[in-house]
Amino acid sequence: MDTDGLVLRAVVLAAHWQDRAGAMDLCLMAKPDCPRLELVWADGAYAGMEAWMAHRYGWQLVIVNKLPGQKGFVLLPRRWVVERTFAWLGRNRRLSKDYEEFAETSEACIYAASVRWMLRRLVA
């Protein structure tokens, strides 16, 4: 997603994949599609990947961690963009539950929902 929450590239993987492995696949697929990408924000699940991402792709990875002693919901910088986008995507019936048998179908539904959302923003 970009800073406005628009989906740049999506990769849907089976639930048994770890986030870090999925991130590696996503980076590989996003590099040719996003040549101007320089900065990536991620949560604590991706800590330790900063050097790998800088060496392999030349991108700066910034980890947005929870605040020390945080209890309950606290609005964190840049993390809200991802959560907001997931909420927008979840408003689409095909993405509200895991109906799809194939990951490719889910990816196509994400792109279709994103296009619909972008068109609504453009017209409004």
C-alpha atoms as a PDB file:
ATOM      1  CA  MET A   1       0.000   0.000   0.000  1.00  0.00           C
ATOM      2  CA  ASP A   2       1.096   3.521  -0.562  1.00  0.00           C
ATOM      3  CA  THR A   3       0.765   6.296   2.014  1.00  0.00           C
ATOM      4  CA  ASP A   4      -2.870   6.875   1.012  1.00  0.00           C
ATOM      5  CA  GLY A   5      -3.752   3.215   1.525  1.00  0.00           C
ATOM      6  CA  LEU A   6      -3.954   2.337  -2.165  1.00  0.00           C
ATOM      7  CA  VAL A   7      -2.943  -1.244  -2.906  1.00  0.00           C
ATOM      8  CA  LEU A   8       0.240  -1.381  -4.976  1.00  0.00           C
ATOM      9  CA  ARG A   9       0.742  -5.149  -4.960  1.00  0.00           C
ATOM     10  CA  ALA A  10      -1.044  -7.991  -3.177  1.00  0.00           C
ATOM     11  CA  VAL A  11       0.069 -11.522  -2.454  1.00  0.00           C
ATOM     12  CA  VAL A  12      -2.350 -13.976  -0.819  1.00  0.00           C
ATOM     13  CA  LEU A  13      -0.753 -17.011   0.807  1.00  0.00           C
ATOM     14  CA  ALA A  14      -2.033 -19.994   2.757  1.00  0.00           C
ATOM     15  CA  ALA A  15      -2.540 -19.460   6.490  1.00  0.00           C
ATOM     16  CA  HIS A  16       0.360 -21.724   7.443  1.00  0.00           C
ATOM     17  CA  TRP A  17       2.917 -19.356   5.860  1.00  0.00           C
ATOM     18  CA  GLN A  18       4.798 -17.097   8.244  1.00  0.00           C
ATOM     19  CA  ASP A  19       4.557 -13.323   7.709  1.00  0.00           C
ATOM     20  CA  ARG A  20       8.286 -13.050   7.004  1.00  0.00           C
ATOM     21  CA  ALA A  21       8.173 -15.665   4.226  1.00  0.00           C
ATOM     22  CA  GLY A  22       5.188 -13.903   2.682  1.00  0.00           C
ATOM     23  CA  ALA A  23       7.024 -10.585   2.866  1.00  0.00           C
ATOM     24  CA  MET A  24       9.919 -12.055   0.924  1.00  0.00           C
ATOM     25  CA  ASP A  25       7.563 -13.180  -1.838  1.00  0.00           C
ATOM     26  CA  LEU A  26       5.801  -9.811  -1.845  1.00  0.00           C
ATOM     27  CA  CYS A  27       9.098  -7.918  -2.133  1.00  0.00           C
ATOM     28  CA  LEU A  28      10.199 -10.094  -5.034  1.00  0.00           C
ATOM     29  CA  MET A  29       6.937  -9.422  -6.883  1.00  0.00           C
ATOM     30  CA  ALA A  30       6.741  -5.725  -5.959  1.00  0.00           C
ATOM     31  CA  LYS A  31      10.259  -4.734  -7.098  1.00  0.00           C
ATOM     32  CA  PRO A  32       9.477  -4.604 -10.834  1.00  0.00           C
ATOM     33  CA  ASP A  33       6.030  -3.039 -10.244  1.00  0.00           C
ATOM     34  CA  CYS A  34       7.237  -0.322  -7.847  1.00  0.00           C
ATOM     35  CA  PRO A  35      10.569   0.998  -9.156  1.00  0.00           C
ATOM     36  CA  ARG A  36      10.368   4.225  -7.117  1.00  0.00           C
ATOM     37  CA  LEU A  37       9.715   2.502  -3.799  1.00  0.00           C
ATOM     38  CA  GLU A  38      12.240   3.573  -1.163  1.00  0.00           C
ATOM     39  CA  LEU A  39      10.607   3.257   2.258  1.00  0.00           C
ATOM     40  CA  VAL A  40       8.574   0.397   3.759  1.00  0.00           C
ATOM     41  CA  TRP A  41       6.745   0.548   7.095  1.00  0.00           C
ATOM     42  CA  ALA A  42       6.008  -2.733   8.877  1.00  0.00           C
ATOM     43  CA  ASP A  43       5.008  -4.044  12.297  1.00  0.00           C
ATOM     44  CA  GLY A  44       7.164  -5.979  14.735  1.00  0.00           C
ATOM     45  CA  ALA A  45       6.657  -9.305  12.933  1.00  0.00           C
ATOM     46  CA  TYR A  46       9.162  -8.121  10.322  1.00  0.00           C
ATOM     47  CA  ALA A  47      11.873  -6.997  12.769  1.00  0.00           C
ATOM     48  CA  GLY A  48      15.283  -8.234  11.707  1.00  0.00           C
ATOM     49  CA  MET A  49      14.563  -7.918   7.987  1.00  0.00           C
ATOM     50  CA  GLU A  50      15.925  -4.370   7.717  1.00  0.00           C
ATOM     51  CA  ALA A  51      19.421  -5.364   6.554  1.00  0.00           C
ATOM     52  CA  TRP A  52      18.078  -8.033   4.188  1.00  0.00           C
ATOM     53  CA  MET A  53      15.655  -5.601   2.542  1.00  0.00           C
ATOM     54  CA  ALA A  54      18.279  -2.843   2.248  1.00  0.00           C
ATOM     55  CA  HIS A  55      20.842  -5.227   0.731  1.00  0.00           C
ATOM     56  CA  ARG A  56      18.505  -7.091  -1.600  1.00  0.00           C
ATOM     57  CA  TYR A  57      16.197  -4.299  -2.790  1.00  0.00           C
ATOM     58  CA  GLY A  58      17.708  -1.024  -1.612  1.00  0.00           C
ATOM     59  CA  TRP A  59      14.602  -0.212   0.441  1.00  0.00           C
ATOM     60  CA  GLN A  60      14.604   1.200   3.951  1.00  0.00           C
ATOM     61  CA  LEU A  61      12.435  -0.872   6.317  1.00  0.00           C
ATOM     62  CA  VAL A  62      11.052   1.012   9.320  1.00  0.00           C
ATOM     63  CA  ILE A  63       9.478  -1.086  12.067  1.00  0.00           C
ATOM     64  CA  VAL A  64       6.506   0.561  13.818  1.00  0.00           C
ATOM     65  CA  ASN A  65       6.441  -1.064  17.262  1.00  0.00           C
ATOM     66  CA  LYS A  66       3.899  -0.849  20.034  1.00  0.00           C
ATOM     67  CA  LEU A  67       4.633   1.767  22.650  1.00  0.00           C
ATOM     68  CA  PRO A  68       6.336   0.494  25.836  1.00  0.00           C
ATOM     69  CA  GLY A  69       3.680  -0.483  28.364  1.00  0.00           C
ATOM     70  CA  GLN A  70       0.866  -0.136  25.824  1.00  0.00           C
ATOM     71  CA  LYS A  71      -2.444  -1.656  26.875  1.00  0.00           C
ATOM     72  CA  GLY A  72      -5.441  -1.689  24.596  1.00  0.00           C
ATOM     73  CA  PHE A  73      -5.749   0.239  21.354  1.00  0.00           C
ATOM     74  CA  VAL A  74      -3.353   3.091  20.673  1.00  0.00           C
ATOM     75  CA  LEU A  75      -3.122   4.824  17.310  1.00  0.00           C
ATOM     76  CA  LEU A  76       0.403   4.209  16.012  1.00  0.00           C
ATOM     77  CA  PRO A  77       2.069   6.210  13.255  1.00  0.00           C
ATOM     78  CA  ARG A  78       1.543   4.744   9.756  1.00  0.00           C
ATOM     79  CA  ARG A  79      -0.012   1.489  11.069  1.00  0.00           C
ATOM     80  CA  TRP A  80      -3.477   2.987  10.877  1.00  0.00           C
ATOM     81  CA  VAL A  81      -3.126   3.286   7.074  1.00  0.00           C
ATOM     82  CA  VAL A  82      -2.908  -0.499   6.755  1.00  0.00           C
ATOM     83  CA  GLU A  83      -5.763  -1.130   9.186  1.00  0.00           C
ATOM     84  CA  ARG A  84      -7.954   1.423   7.388  1.00  0.00           C
ATOM     85  CA  THR A  85      -7.259  -0.251   4.027  1.00  0.00           C
ATOM     86  CA  PHE A  86      -8.122  -3.681   5.444  1.00  0.00           C
ATOM     87  CA  ALA A  87     -11.398  -2.196   6.704  1.00  0.00           C
ATOM     88  CA  TRP A  88     -12.171  -0.757   3.254  1.00  0.00           C
ATOM     89  CA  LEU A  89     -11.410  -4.090   1.595  1.00  0.00           C
ATOM     90  CA  GLY A  90     -13.506  -5.952   4.184  1.00  0.00           C
ATOM     91  CA  ARG A  91     -16.577  -3.970   3.106  1.00  0.00           C
ATOM     92  CA  ASN A  92     -16.626  -6.074  -0.074  1.00  0.00           C
ATOM     93  CA  ARG A  93     -18.638  -9.264   0.307  1.00  0.00           C
ATOM     94  CA  ARG A  94     -16.095 -11.449  -1.496  1.00  0.00           C
ATOM     95  CA  LEU A  95     -13.349 -10.276   0.871  1.00  0.00           C
ATOM     96  CA  SER A  96     -15.326 -10.272   4.117  1.00  0.00           C
ATOM     97  CA  LYS A  97     -14.903 -14.049   4.542  1.00  0.00           C
ATOM     98  CA  ASP A  98     -12.575 -16.652   3.082  1.00  0.00           C
ATOM     99  CA  TYR A  99     -14.877 -17.945   0.357  1.00  0.00           C
ATOM    100  CA  GLU A 100     -12.241 -18.510  -2.285  1.00  0.00           C
ATOM    101  CA  GLU A 101     -10.535 -21.824  -2.958  1.00  0.00           C
ATOM    102  CA  PHE A 102      -7.566 -20.340  -4.811  1.00  0.00           C
ATOM    103  CA  ALA A 103      -5.238 -17.583  -3.603  1.00  0.00           C
ATOM    104  CA  GLU A 104      -5.200 -16.078  -7.102  1.00  0.00           C
ATOM    105  CA  THR A 105      -8.959 -15.494  -6.903  1.00  0.00           C
ATOM    106  CA  SER A 106      -8.571 -13.651  -3.605  1.00  0.00           C
ATOM    107  CA  GLU A 107      -5.816 -11.496  -5.120  1.00  0.00           C
ATOM    108  CA  ALA A 108      -8.064 -10.652  -8.070  1.00  0.00           C
ATOM    109  CA  CYS A 109     -10.857  -9.686  -5.664  1.00  0.00           C
ATOM    110  CA  ILE A 110      -8.452  -7.400  -3.776  1.00  0.00           C
ATOM    111  CA  TYR A 111      -7.488  -5.646  -7.007  1.00  0.00           C
ATOM    112  CA  ALA A 112     -11.129  -5.327  -8.093  1.00  0.00           C
ATOM    113  CA  ALA A 113     -12.113  -3.844  -4.725  1.00  0.00           C
ATOM    114  CA  SER A 114      -9.150  -1.454  -4.903  1.00  0.00           C
ATOM    115  CA  VAL A 115     -10.113  -0.270  -8.372  1.00  0.00           C
ATOM    116  CA  ARG A 116     -13.692   0.242  -7.214  1.00  0.00           C
ATOM    117  CA  TRP A 117     -12.489   2.248  -4.218  1.00  0.00           C
ATOM    118  CA  MET A 118     -10.120   4.369  -6.357  1.00  0.00           C
ATOM    119  CA  LEU A 119     -12.875   5.123  -8.872  1.00  0.00           C
ATOM    120  CA  ARG A 120     -15.247   6.187  -6.101  1.00  0.00           C
ATOM    121  CA  ARG A 121     -12.558   8.553  -4.749  1.00  0.00           C
ATOM    122  CA  LEU A 122     -11.918   9.938  -8.218  1.00  0.00           C
ATOM    123  CA  VAL A 123     -15.592  10.649  -8.878  1.00  0.00           C
ATOM    124  CA  ALA A 124     -16.361  12.108  -5.435  1.00  0.00           C
END
